[in-house]
PDB file of N, CA and C in Angstrom:
ATOM      1  N   MET A   1      -5.064  26.677  67.324  1.00  0.00           N
ATOM      2  CA  MET A   1      -6.151  26.731  65.970  1.00  0.00           C
ATOM      3  C   MET A   1      -7.533  27.514  66.503  1.00  0.00           C
ATOM      4  N   SER A   2      -7.867  28.415  64.997  1.00  0.00           N
ATOM      5  CA  SER A   2      -9.103  29.185  65.958  1.00  0.00           C
ATOM      6  C   SER A   2     -10.569  27.835  65.465  1.00  0.00           C
ATOM      7  N   THR A   3     -11.843  28.384  65.796  1.00  0.00           N
ATOM      8  CA  THR A   3     -12.646  27.406  65.742  1.00  0.00           C
ATOM      9  C   THR A   3     -13.005  27.308  64.205  1.00  0.00           C
ATOM     10  N   LYS A   4     -12.850  28.365  63.846  1.00  0.00           N
ATOM     11  CA  LYS A   4     -13.352  28.229  62.437  1.00  0.00           C
ATOM     12  C   LYS A   4     -12.809  27.507  61.412  1.00  0.00           C
ATOM     13  N   VAL A   5     -11.054  27.283  61.831  1.00  0.00           N
ATOM     14  CA  VAL A   5     -10.387  26.205  60.831  1.00  0.00           C
ATOM     15  C   VAL A   5     -10.876  24.850  61.458  1.00  0.00           C
ATOM     16  N   ASN A   6     -10.721  24.510  62.709  1.00  0.00           N
ATOM     17  CA  ASN A   6     -11.377  23.134  63.304  1.00  0.00           C
ATOM     18  C   ASN A   6     -12.776  22.678  62.682  1.00  0.00           C
ATOM     19  N   ARG A   7     -13.243  23.790  62.495  1.00  0.00           N
ATOM     20  CA  ARG A   7     -14.641  23.490  62.007  1.00  0.00           C
ATOM     21  C   ARG A   7     -14.797  22.993  60.588  1.00  0.00           C
ATOM     22  N   ARG A   8     -13.614  23.354  59.541  1.00  0.00           N
ATOM     23  CA  ARG A   8     -13.281  23.508  58.251  1.00  0.00           C
ATOM     24  C   ARG A   8     -12.505  22.229  58.179  1.00  0.00           C
ATOM     25  N   GLN A   9     -11.591  21.672  59.085  1.00  0.00           N
ATOM     26  CA  GLN A   9     -10.709  20.654  59.363  1.00  0.00           C
ATOM     27  C   GLN A   9     -11.748  19.435  59.570  1.00  0.00           C
ATOM     28  N   LYS A  10     -12.813  19.418  60.161  1.00  0.00           N
ATOM     29  CA  LYS A  10     -13.749  18.265  60.654  1.00  0.00           C
ATOM     30  C   LYS A  10     -14.771  17.829  59.393  1.00  0.00           C
ATOM     31  N   ILE A  11     -15.063  19.200  58.592  1.00  0.00           N
ATOM     32  CA  ILE A  11     -15.721  18.901  57.366  1.00  0.00           C
ATOM     33  C   ILE A  11     -14.854  18.476  55.939  1.00  0.00           C
ATOM     34  N   LYS A  12     -13.770  18.533  56.098  1.00  0.00           N
ATOM     35  CA  LYS A  12     -12.859  18.215  55.164  1.00  0.00           C
ATOM     36  C   LYS A  12     -12.451  16.871  55.583  1.00  0.00           C
ATOM     37  N   TYR A  13     -12.244  16.137  56.652  1.00  0.00           N
ATOM     38  CA  TYR A  13     -12.315  14.716  57.145  1.00  0.00           C
ATOM     39  C   TYR A  13     -13.396  13.926  56.954  1.00  0.00           C
ATOM     40  N   ARG A  14     -14.618  14.813  56.839  1.00  0.00           N
ATOM     41  CA  ARG A  14     -15.879  14.110  56.564  1.00  0.00           C
ATOM     42  C   ARG A  14     -16.375  13.772  55.425  1.00  0.00           C
ATOM     43  N   ILE A  15     -15.792  14.875  54.839  1.00  0.00           N
ATOM     44  CA  ILE A  15     -15.765  14.604  53.027  1.00  0.00           C
ATOM     45  C   ILE A  15     -14.969  13.486  52.434  1.00  0.00           C
ATOM     46  N   ARG A  16     -13.771  13.792  53.069  1.00  0.00           N
ATOM     47  CA  ARG A  16     -12.495  12.555  52.466  1.00  0.00           C
ATOM     48  C   ARG A  16     -12.709  11.054  52.960  1.00  0.00           C
ATOM     49  N   LYS A  17     -13.618  10.710  53.746  1.00  0.00           N
ATOM     50  CA  LYS A  17     -13.784   9.761  53.949  1.00  0.00           C
ATOM     51  C   LYS A  17     -14.772   8.642  53.045  1.00  0.00           C
ATOM     52  N   LYS A  18     -15.329   9.561  52.411  1.00  0.00           N
ATOM     53  CA  LYS A  18     -16.726   9.223  51.502  1.00  0.00           C
ATOM     54  C   LYS A  18     -16.450   8.968  49.803  1.00  0.00           C
ATOM     55  N   ILE A  19     -14.797   9.940  50.069  1.00  0.00           N
ATOM     56  CA  ILE A  19     -14.880  10.458  48.338  1.00  0.00           C
ATOM     57  C   ILE A  19     -12.855   9.903  48.057  1.00  0.00           C
ATOM     58  N   SER A  20     -12.635   9.301  47.168  1.00  0.00           N
ATOM     59  CA  SER A  20     -11.162   9.394  46.813  1.00  0.00           C
ATOM     60  C   SER A  20     -10.846   9.232  45.615  1.00  0.00           C
ATOM     61  N   GLY A  21     -10.032   9.294  45.168  1.00  0.00           N
ATOM     62  CA  GLY A  21      -9.585   9.345  43.727  1.00  0.00           C
ATOM     63  C   GLY A  21      -8.543   8.337  43.081  1.00  0.00           C
ATOM     64  N   THR A  22      -9.162   8.023  41.888  1.00  0.00           N
ATOM     65  CA  THR A  22      -8.028   6.718  40.797  1.00  0.00           C
ATOM     66  C   THR A  22      -7.497   7.443  40.017  1.00  0.00           C
ATOM     67  N   SER A  23      -6.697   6.262  39.262  1.00  0.00           N
ATOM     68  CA  SER A  23      -5.611   7.046  38.275  1.00  0.00           C
ATOM     69  C   SER A  23      -6.596   7.095  37.306  1.00  0.00           C
ATOM     70  N   ALA A  24      -8.162   6.404  37.218  1.00  0.00           N
ATOM     71  CA  ALA A  24      -9.178   7.013  36.166  1.00  0.00           C
ATOM     72  C   ALA A  24     -10.057   8.095  36.169  1.00  0.00           C
ATOM     73  N   LYS A  25     -10.254   8.233  37.668  1.00  0.00           N
ATOM     74  CA  LYS A  25     -11.490   9.001  37.783  1.00  0.00           C
ATOM     75  C   LYS A  25     -10.339   9.871  39.269  1.00  0.00           C
ATOM     76  N   PRO A  26     -10.158  11.051  38.875  1.00  0.00           N
ATOM     77  CA  PRO A  26      -8.727  11.367  39.989  1.00  0.00           C
ATOM     78  C   PRO A  26      -9.460  12.177  40.647  1.00  0.00           C
ATOM     79  N   ARG A  27      -9.463  12.654  42.114  1.00  0.00           N
ATOM     80  CA  ARG A  27     -10.397  13.478  43.262  1.00  0.00           C
ATOM     81  C   ARG A  27      -9.409  15.018  42.436  1.00  0.00           C
ATOM     82  N   LEU A  28     -10.493  15.960  42.524  1.00  0.00           N
ATOM     83  CA  LEU A  28     -10.349  17.378  41.814  1.00  0.00           C
ATOM     84  C   LEU A  28     -10.157  18.170  43.389  1.00  0.00           C
ATOM     85  N   SER A  29      -9.249  18.200  43.633  1.00  0.00           N
ATOM     86  CA  SER A  29      -9.579  19.047  45.449  1.00  0.00           C
ATOM     87  C   SER A  29      -9.057  20.417  45.093  1.00  0.00           C
ATOM     88  N   VAL A  30      -9.684  21.123  45.756  1.00  0.00           N
ATOM     89  CA  VAL A  30      -9.843  22.874  46.053  1.00  0.00           C
ATOM     90  C   VAL A  30      -9.095  23.222  47.207  1.00  0.00           C
ATOM     91  N   PHE A  31      -8.194  24.017  47.122  1.00  0.00           N
ATOM     92  CA  PHE A  31      -7.517  24.706  48.373  1.00  0.00           C
ATOM     93  C   PHE A  31      -7.952  26.376  47.910  1.00  0.00           C
ATOM     94  N   ARG A  32      -8.676  27.013  48.841  1.00  0.00           N
ATOM     95  CA  ARG A  32      -8.640  28.232  48.972  1.00  0.00           C
ATOM     96  C   ARG A  32      -8.271  29.237  49.798  1.00  0.00           C
ATOM     97  N   SER A  33      -7.088  30.299  49.343  1.00  0.00           N
ATOM     98  CA  SER A  33      -6.722  31.272  50.169  1.00  0.00           C
ATOM     99  C   SER A  33      -7.153  32.564  50.522  1.00  0.00           C
ATOM    100  N   ASN A  34      -7.027  33.490  50.936  1.00  0.00           N
ATOM    101  CA  ASN A  34      -7.552  34.722  50.344  1.00  0.00           C
ATOM    102  C   ASN A  34      -7.054  35.181  49.668  1.00  0.00           C
ATOM    103  N   ALA A  35      -5.827  34.594  49.080  1.00  0.00           N
ATOM    104  CA  ALA A  35      -5.305  35.451  47.806  1.00  0.00           C
ATOM    105  C   ALA A  35      -5.111  34.764  46.454  1.00  0.00           C
ATOM    106  N   GLY A  36      -5.435  33.557  46.732  1.00  0.00           N
ATOM    107  CA  GLY A  36      -5.416  32.526  45.312  1.00  0.00           C
ATOM    108  C   GLY A  36      -5.985  31.108  45.766  1.00  0.00           C
ATOM    109  N   MET A  37      -6.212  30.522  44.413  1.00  0.00           N
ATOM    110  CA  MET A  37      -7.079  29.428  44.403  1.00  0.00           C
ATOM    111  C   MET A  37      -5.916  28.292  43.828  1.00  0.00           C
ATOM    112  N   TYR A  38      -5.801  26.924  44.608  1.00  0.00           N
ATOM    113  CA  TYR A  38      -4.872  26.096  43.902  1.00  0.00           C
ATOM    114  C   TYR A  38      -5.751  24.731  44.029  1.00  0.00           C
ATOM    115  N   ILE A  39      -5.912  24.253  42.794  1.00  0.00           N
ATOM    116  CA  ILE A  39      -6.564  23.014  42.056  1.00  0.00           C
ATOM    117  C   ILE A  39      -5.553  21.679  41.996  1.00  0.00           C
ATOM    118  N   GLN A  40      -5.942  20.725  42.134  1.00  0.00           N
ATOM    119  CA  GLN A  40      -4.904  19.378  42.181  1.00  0.00           C
ATOM    120  C   GLN A  40      -5.798  18.395  41.578  1.00  0.00           C
ATOM    121  N   LEU A  41      -5.488  17.615  40.859  1.00  0.00           N
ATOM    122  CA  LEU A  41      -5.597  15.965  40.318  1.00  0.00           C
ATOM    123  C   LEU A  41      -4.850  14.933  40.943  1.00  0.00           C
ATOM    124  N   ILE A  42      -5.672  14.326  41.778  1.00  0.00           N
ATOM    125  CA  ILE A  42      -4.935  13.304  42.572  1.00  0.00           C
ATOM    126  C   ILE A  42      -5.431  12.354  42.407  1.00  0.00           C
ATOM    127  N   ASP A  43      -4.439  11.122  42.592  1.00  0.00           N
ATOM    128  CA  ASP A  43      -4.887   9.675  42.213  1.00  0.00           C
ATOM    129  C   ASP A  43      -4.410   9.454  43.651  1.00  0.00           C
ATOM    130  N   ASP A  44      -5.357   8.935  44.434  1.00  0.00           N
ATOM    131  CA  ASP A  44      -5.461   8.801  46.066  1.00  0.00           C
ATOM    132  C   ASP A  44      -4.911   7.242  46.114  1.00  0.00           C
ATOM    133  N   ASN A  45      -4.930   6.107  45.446  1.00  0.00           N
ATOM    134  CA  ASN A  45      -4.360   4.954  45.320  1.00  0.00           C
ATOM    135  C   ASN A  45      -3.077   4.885  45.127  1.00  0.00           C
ATOM    136  N   THR A  46      -2.159   6.075  44.397  1.00  0.00           N
ATOM    137  CA  THR A  46      -0.873   5.986  44.768  1.00  0.00           C
ATOM    138  C   THR A  46      -0.101   7.025  45.278  1.00  0.00           C
ATOM    139  N   GLY A  47      -1.440   8.145  45.451  1.00  0.00           N
ATOM    140  CA  GLY A  47      -0.827   9.368  46.352  1.00  0.00           C
ATOM    141  C   GLY A  47       0.091  10.209  45.442  1.00  0.00           C
ATOM    142  N   GLN A  48      -0.466  10.178  43.958  1.00  0.00           N
ATOM    143  CA  GLN A  48       0.215  11.372  43.502  1.00  0.00           C
ATOM    144  C   GLN A  48      -0.912  12.395  42.625  1.00  0.00           C
ATOM    145  N   THR A  49       0.101  13.606  42.080  1.00  0.00           N
ATOM    146  CA  THR A  49      -0.563  14.736  41.966  1.00  0.00           C
ATOM    147  C   THR A  49      -0.483  14.437  40.505  1.00  0.00           C
ATOM    148  N   LEU A  50      -1.577  14.092  39.782  1.00  0.00           N
ATOM    149  CA  LEU A  50      -1.330  14.348  38.050  1.00  0.00           C
ATOM    150  C   LEU A  50      -0.988  15.267  37.752  1.00  0.00           C
ATOM    151  N   ALA A  51      -2.137  16.277  37.936  1.00  0.00           N
ATOM    152  CA  ALA A  51      -1.801  17.619  37.685  1.00  0.00           C
ATOM    153  C   ALA A  51      -2.375  18.990  38.477  1.00  0.00           C
ATOM    154  N   ALA A  52      -1.960  20.045  38.604  1.00  0.00           N
ATOM    155  CA  ALA A  52      -1.912  21.006  39.554  1.00  0.00           C
ATOM    156  C   ALA A  52      -2.129  22.741  38.928  1.00  0.00           C
ATOM    157  N   VAL A  53      -2.940  23.348  38.964  1.00  0.00           N
ATOM    158  CA  VAL A  53      -2.700  24.702  38.754  1.00  0.00           C
ATOM    159  C   VAL A  53      -3.315  25.713  39.608  1.00  0.00           C
ATOM    160  N   SER A  54      -3.151  26.891  39.657  1.00  0.00           N
ATOM    161  CA  SER A  54      -3.062  28.188  40.747  1.00  0.00           C
ATOM    162  C   SER A  54      -3.266  29.160  40.291  1.00  0.00           C
ATOM    163  N   SER A  55      -3.914  30.355  40.958  1.00  0.00           N
ATOM    164  CA  SER A  55      -4.225  31.418  40.506  1.00  0.00           C
ATOM    165  C   SER A  55      -2.935  32.394  40.593  1.00  0.00           C
ATOM    166  N   ARG A  56      -1.679  31.684  41.546  1.00  0.00           N
ATOM    167  CA  ARG A  56      -0.791  32.261  41.186  1.00  0.00           C
ATOM    168  C   ARG A  56       0.103  32.000  39.892  1.00  0.00           C
ATOM    169  N   ASP A  57       0.071  31.112  39.322  1.00  0.00           N
ATOM    170  CA  ASP A  57       1.034  30.500  38.111  1.00  0.00           C
ATOM    171  C   ASP A  57       0.952  31.964  37.202  1.00  0.00           C
ATOM    172  N   LYS A  58       1.963  32.412  36.509  1.00  0.00           N
ATOM    173  CA  LYS A  58       2.453  33.560  35.871  1.00  0.00           C
ATOM    174  C   LYS A  58       1.231  33.269  34.993  1.00  0.00           C
ATOM    175  N   SER A  59       0.889  32.644  34.031  1.00  0.00           N
ATOM    176  CA  SER A  59      -0.084  32.964  33.377  1.00  0.00           C
ATOM    177  C   SER A  59      -1.829  33.618  33.590  1.00  0.00           C
ATOM    178  N   MET A  60      -1.555  32.925  35.280  1.00  0.00           N
ATOM    179  CA  MET A  60      -3.282  33.356  35.512  1.00  0.00           C
ATOM    180  C   MET A  60      -2.997  34.688  36.032  1.00  0.00           C
ATOM    181  N   ALA A  61      -1.580  35.090  36.740  1.00  0.00           N
ATOM    182  CA  ALA A  61      -1.937  36.409  37.657  1.00  0.00           C
ATOM    183  C   ALA A  61      -1.636  37.471  36.616  1.00  0.00           C
ATOM    184  N   ALA A  62      -1.096  37.246  35.235  1.00  0.00           N
ATOM    185  CA  ALA A  62      -1.679  38.335  34.554  1.00  0.00           C
ATOM    186  C   ALA A  62      -2.735  38.841  33.777  1.00  0.00           C
ATOM    187  N   GLN A  63      -4.002  37.652  34.462  1.00  0.00           N
ATOM    188  CA  GLN A  63      -5.206  38.155  34.091  1.00  0.00           C
ATOM    189  C   GLN A  63      -5.526  39.170  34.863  1.00  0.00           C
ATOM    190  N   LYS A  64      -6.037  40.162  34.913  1.00  0.00           N
ATOM    191  CA  LYS A  64      -6.773  41.563  35.595  1.00  0.00           C
ATOM    192  C   LYS A  64      -8.195  41.487  35.795  1.00  0.00           C
ATOM    193  N   VAL A  65      -8.706  40.276  36.499  1.00  0.00           N
ATOM    194  CA  VAL A  65     -10.000  40.047  36.639  1.00  0.00           C
ATOM    195  C   VAL A  65     -10.417  39.838  38.125  1.00  0.00           C
ATOM    196  N   ASN A  66     -11.491  39.780  38.396  1.00  0.00           N
ATOM    197  CA  ASN A  66     -11.574  39.628  39.989  1.00  0.00           C
ATOM    198  C   ASN A  66     -11.243  38.371  40.139  1.00  0.00           C
ATOM    199  N   LYS A  67     -11.350  38.157  41.964  1.00  0.00           N
ATOM    200  CA  LYS A  67     -10.823  36.454  42.258  1.00  0.00           C
ATOM    201  C   LYS A  67     -12.188  35.265  42.053  1.00  0.00           C
ATOM    202  N   SER A  68     -13.491  35.659  41.845  1.00  0.00           N
ATOM    203  CA  SER A  68     -14.396  34.684  41.122  1.00  0.00           C
ATOM    204  C   SER A  68     -13.649  34.485  39.483  1.00  0.00           C
ATOM    205  N   GLU A  69     -13.789  35.290  38.903  1.00  0.00           N
ATOM    206  CA  GLU A  69     -13.705  35.130  37.408  1.00  0.00           C
ATOM    207  C   GLU A  69     -12.404  34.269  37.408  1.00  0.00           C
ATOM    208  N   LYS A  70     -11.296  34.647  37.836  1.00  0.00           N
ATOM    209  CA  LYS A  70      -9.883  33.909  38.329  1.00  0.00           C
ATOM    210  C   LYS A  70     -10.043  32.641  38.223  1.00  0.00           C
ATOM    211  N   SER A  71     -10.980  32.288  39.491  1.00  0.00           N
ATOM    212  CA  SER A  71     -11.453  31.042  39.992  1.00  0.00           C
ATOM    213  C   SER A  71     -11.985  29.893  38.672  1.00  0.00           C
ATOM    214  N   LYS A  72     -12.498  30.906  37.872  1.00  0.00           N
ATOM    215  CA  LYS A  72     -13.426  29.885  36.799  1.00  0.00           C
ATOM    216  C   LYS A  72     -12.370  29.609  35.702  1.00  0.00           C
ATOM    217  N   LEU A  73     -11.025  30.813  35.533  1.00  0.00           N
ATOM    218  CA  LEU A  73      -9.977  30.477  34.825  1.00  0.00           C
ATOM    219  C   LEU A  73      -9.327  28.993  35.538  1.00  0.00           C
ATOM    220  N   VAL A  74      -8.950  29.039  36.656  1.00  0.00           N
ATOM    221  CA  VAL A  74      -8.402  28.282  37.197  1.00  0.00           C
ATOM    222  C   VAL A  74      -9.020  26.928  36.643  1.00  0.00           C
ATOM    223  N   GLY A  75     -10.239  26.565  37.116  1.00  0.00           N
ATOM    224  CA  GLY A  75     -11.408  25.371  36.573  1.00  0.00           C
ATOM    225  C   GLY A  75     -10.902  25.114  35.408  1.00  0.00           C
ATOM    226  N   TYR A  76     -11.016  26.277  34.332  1.00  0.00           N
ATOM    227  CA  TYR A  76     -10.786  25.538  32.638  1.00  0.00           C
ATOM    228  C   TYR A  76      -9.680  25.082  32.469  1.00  0.00           C
ATOM    229  N   ALA A  77      -8.154  26.049  33.127  1.00  0.00           N
ATOM    230  CA  ALA A  77      -7.389  25.166  32.749  1.00  0.00           C
ATOM    231  C   ALA A  77      -6.733  24.122  33.310  1.00  0.00           C
ATOM    232  N   ILE A  78      -7.504  23.541  34.508  1.00  0.00           N
ATOM    233  CA  ILE A  78      -7.037  22.192  34.993  1.00  0.00           C
ATOM    234  C   ILE A  78      -7.838  21.131  33.864  1.00  0.00           C
ATOM    235  N   ALA A  79      -8.929  21.970  33.613  1.00  0.00           N
ATOM    236  CA  ALA A  79      -9.793  20.682  32.634  1.00  0.00           C
ATOM    237  C   ALA A  79      -9.121  20.448  31.594  1.00  0.00           C
ATOM    238  N   GLN A  80      -8.061  21.457  31.001  1.00  0.00           N
ATOM    239  CA  GLN A  80      -7.636  21.647  29.674  1.00  0.00           C
ATOM    240  C   GLN A  80      -6.227  20.237  29.808  1.00  0.00           C
ATOM    241  N   LYS A  81      -5.694  20.782  30.941  1.00  0.00           N
ATOM    242  CA  LYS A  81      -4.725  19.766  31.841  1.00  0.00           C
ATOM    243  C   LYS A  81      -5.203  18.583  31.677  1.00  0.00           C
ATOM    244  N   ALA A  82      -6.380  17.835  32.440  1.00  0.00           N
ATOM    245  CA  ALA A  82      -6.751  16.732  32.444  1.00  0.00           C
ATOM    246  C   ALA A  82      -7.302  16.028  30.860  1.00  0.00           C
ATOM    247  N   ILE A  83      -7.837  16.729  30.023  1.00  0.00           N
ATOM    248  CA  ILE A  83      -8.003  16.167  29.034  1.00  0.00           C
ATOM    249  C   ILE A  83      -6.850  16.022  28.141  1.00  0.00           C
ATOM    250  N   ALA A  84      -5.545  16.801  28.068  1.00  0.00           N
ATOM    251  CA  ALA A  84      -4.370  16.593  27.445  1.00  0.00           C
ATOM    252  C   ALA A  84      -3.577  15.347  28.123  1.00  0.00           C
ATOM    253  N   LEU A  85      -3.949  15.146  29.490  1.00  0.00           N
ATOM    254  CA  LEU A  85      -3.666  13.560  30.245  1.00  0.00           C
ATOM    255  C   LEU A  85      -4.625  12.460  29.818  1.00  0.00           C
ATOM    256  N   GLY A  86      -5.691  12.585  28.974  1.00  0.00           N
ATOM    257  CA  GLY A  86      -6.813  11.624  28.945  1.00  0.00           C
ATOM    258  C   GLY A  86      -7.882  11.662  29.959  1.00  0.00           C
ATOM    259  N   ILE A  87      -7.979  12.074  30.867  1.00  0.00           N
ATOM    260  CA  ILE A  87      -8.856  12.069  32.026  1.00  0.00           C
ATOM    261  C   ILE A  87     -10.062  12.910  31.993  1.00  0.00           C
ATOM    262  N   LYS A  88     -11.437  12.519  31.544  1.00  0.00           N
ATOM    263  CA  LYS A  88     -12.508  13.061  31.127  1.00  0.00           C
ATOM    264  C   LYS A  88     -13.465  13.324  32.480  1.00  0.00           C
ATOM    265  N   GLU A  89     -13.422  12.493  33.670  1.00  0.00           N
ATOM    266  CA  GLU A  89     -14.344  12.490  34.743  1.00  0.00           C
ATOM    267  C   GLU A  89     -13.185  12.601  36.021  1.00  0.00           C
ATOM    268  N   CYS A  90     -13.602  13.027  37.149  1.00  0.00           N
ATOM    269  CA  CYS A  90     -13.293  13.376  38.240  1.00  0.00           C
ATOM    270  C   CYS A  90     -14.287  13.466  39.434  1.00  0.00           C
ATOM    271  N   VAL A  91     -13.379  13.021  40.597  1.00  0.00           N
ATOM    272  CA  VAL A  91     -14.485  13.541  41.750  1.00  0.00           C
ATOM    273  C   VAL A  91     -14.091  14.746  42.389  1.00  0.00           C
ATOM    274  N   PHE A  92     -14.930  15.627  42.467  1.00  0.00           N
ATOM    275  CA  PHE A  92     -14.941  16.764  43.246  1.00  0.00           C
ATOM    276  C   PHE A  92     -14.744  16.889  44.608  1.00  0.00           C
ATOM    277  N   ASP A  93     -13.475  17.416  45.084  1.00  0.00           N
ATOM    278  CA  ASP A  93     -13.495  17.632  46.378  1.00  0.00           C
ATOM    279  C   ASP A  93     -13.422  19.391  46.973  1.00  0.00           C
ATOM    280  N   ARG A  94     -14.314  19.809  47.499  1.00  0.00           N
ATOM    281  CA  ARG A  94     -14.392  21.160  47.952  1.00  0.00           C
ATOM    282  C   ARG A  94     -13.632  21.524  49.163  1.00  0.00           C
ATOM    283  N   GLY A  95     -13.084  20.161  50.017  1.00  0.00           N
ATOM    284  CA  GLY A  95     -12.041  20.910  50.845  1.00  0.00           C
ATOM    285  C   GLY A  95     -12.829  21.312  52.137  1.00  0.00           C
ATOM    286  N   GLY A  96     -13.995  20.891  52.500  1.00  0.00           N
ATOM    287  CA  GLY A  96     -14.497  21.619  53.430  1.00  0.00           C
ATOM    288  C   GLY A  96     -14.950  23.187  53.595  1.00  0.00           C
ATOM    289  N   TYR A  97     -15.057  23.477  52.211  1.00  0.00           N
ATOM    290  CA  TYR A  97     -15.554  24.769  52.015  1.00  0.00           C
ATOM    291  C   TYR A  97     -16.679  24.907  51.437  1.00  0.00           C
ATOM    292  N   LEU A  98     -17.216  25.926  51.682  1.00  0.00           N
ATOM    293  CA  LEU A  98     -19.024  25.868  51.004  1.00  0.00           C
ATOM    294  C   LEU A  98     -18.989  25.640  49.171  1.00  0.00           C
ATOM    295  N   TYR A  99     -20.045  25.306  49.208  1.00  0.00           N
ATOM    296  CA  TYR A  99     -20.315  25.116  47.334  1.00  0.00           C
ATOM    297  C   TYR A  99     -20.535  26.491  47.122  1.00  0.00           C
ATOM    298  N   HIS A 100     -19.637  27.215  46.899  1.00  0.00           N
ATOM    299  CA  HIS A 100     -20.695  28.752  47.135  1.00  0.00           C
ATOM    300  C   HIS A 100     -19.299  29.977  46.481  1.00  0.00           C
ATOM    301  N   GLY A 101     -19.640  30.460  45.590  1.00  0.00           N
ATOM    302  CA  GLY A 101     -18.621  31.739  45.398  1.00  0.00           C
ATOM    303  C   GLY A 101     -17.526  31.275  44.493  1.00  0.00           C
ATOM    304  N   ARG A 102     -15.996  31.398  44.993  1.00  0.00           N
ATOM    305  CA  ARG A 102     -15.275  30.802  44.183  1.00  0.00           C
ATOM    306  C   ARG A 102     -15.102  29.450  43.831  1.00  0.00           C
ATOM    307  N   VAL A 103     -14.841  28.851  45.118  1.00  0.00           N
ATOM    308  CA  VAL A 103     -15.462  27.204  44.993  1.00  0.00           C
ATOM    309  C   VAL A 103     -16.411  26.903  43.478  1.00  0.00           C
ATOM    310  N   LYS A 104     -17.519  27.165  43.725  1.00  0.00           N
ATOM    311  CA  LYS A 104     -18.557  26.967  42.881  1.00  0.00           C
ATOM    312  C   LYS A 104     -17.811  27.197  41.452  1.00  0.00           C
ATOM    313  N   ALA A 105     -17.508  28.695  41.260  1.00  0.00           N
ATOM    314  CA  ALA A 105     -16.596  29.384  39.973  1.00  0.00           C
ATOM    315  C   ALA A 105     -15.542  28.091  39.636  1.00  0.00           C
ATOM    316  N   VAL A 106     -14.819  27.740  40.309  1.00  0.00           N
ATOM    317  CA  VAL A 106     -13.915  26.607  39.773  1.00  0.00           C
ATOM    318  C   VAL A 106     -14.529  25.031  39.174  1.00  0.00           C
ATOM    319  N   ALA A 107     -15.421  25.394  40.097  1.00  0.00           N
ATOM    320  CA  ALA A 107     -16.269  23.681  39.605  1.00  0.00           C
ATOM    321  C   ALA A 107     -16.863  23.973  38.219  1.00  0.00           C
ATOM    322  N   GLU A 108     -17.473  25.415  37.868  1.00  0.00           N
ATOM    323  CA  GLU A 108     -18.138  25.793  36.550  1.00  0.00           C
ATOM    324  C   GLU A 108     -17.057  26.058  35.657  1.00  0.00           C
ATOM    325  N   GLY A 109     -15.930  26.415  36.220  1.00  0.00           N
ATOM    326  CA  GLY A 109     -14.679  26.425  34.781  1.00  0.00           C
ATOM    327  C   GLY A 109     -14.631  25.639  34.380  1.00  0.00           C
ATOM    328  N   ALA A 110     -14.284  24.235  36.047  1.00  0.00           N
ATOM    329  CA  ALA A 110     -14.075  23.011  34.798  1.00  0.00           C
ATOM    330  C   ALA A 110     -14.734  22.058  33.801  1.00  0.00           C
ATOM    331  N   ARG A 111     -16.153  22.246  34.607  1.00  0.00           N
ATOM    332  CA  ARG A 111     -17.295  21.774  33.498  1.00  0.00           C
ATOM    333  C   ARG A 111     -17.236  22.275  32.212  1.00  0.00           C
ATOM    334  N   GLU A 112     -16.865  23.336  32.149  1.00  0.00           N
ATOM    335  CA  GLU A 112     -16.873  24.306  30.798  1.00  0.00           C
ATOM    336  C   GLU A 112     -15.618  23.694  29.882  1.00  0.00           C
ATOM    337  N   GLY A 113     -14.529  23.316  30.537  1.00  0.00           N
ATOM    338  CA  GLY A 113     -13.180  22.872  29.797  1.00  0.00           C
ATOM    339  C   GLY A 113     -13.813  21.605  29.432  1.00  0.00           C
ATOM    340  N   GLY A 114     -14.568  20.707  30.191  1.00  0.00           N
ATOM    341  CA  GLY A 114     -15.021  19.416  29.506  1.00  0.00           C
ATOM    342  C   GLY A 114     -14.738  18.334  30.515  1.00  0.00           C
ATOM    343  N   LEU A 115     -14.531  18.364  31.845  1.00  0.00           N
ATOM    344  CA  LEU A 115     -14.733  17.629  32.897  1.00  0.00           C
ATOM    345  C   LEU A 115     -15.879  17.487  33.224  1.00  0.00           C
ATOM    346  N   GLN A 116     -16.202  15.963  33.707  1.00  0.00           N
ATOM    347  CA  GLN A 116     -17.614  15.751  34.171  1.00  0.00           C
ATOM    348  C   GLN A 116     -17.406  15.444  35.976  1.00  0.00           C
ATOM    349  N   PHE A 117     -18.198  15.662  36.643  1.00  0.00           N
ATOM    350  CA  PHE A 117     -18.020  15.478  37.740  1.00  0.00           C
ATOM    351  C   PHE A 117     -19.264  15.569  38.550  1.00  0.00           C
TER     352      PHE A 117
END
């Protein structure tokens, strides 16, 4: 493993010690790859994924915008799914990434969609 991956893994574990999701207030987990963004709402008590959205989904992939704007659309889409499930609040898990760029865009999109964290 590279040192960059190890560093992010340590940060991720440190964050996960402090936060966890419940069915009433799930964890909004973010994974960022070079090509896409993957977002999940997770109930850590039962270990279930309540909702998931990706920038690789057909409706998202059809959008011809840059990666930051696509990330904002993904955040908005997960907020819409959450509200359909009756979830208004969540805990944001940045997954060891800096709250900057595409991760920040996801958070802003989710807030615009109606999620509170």
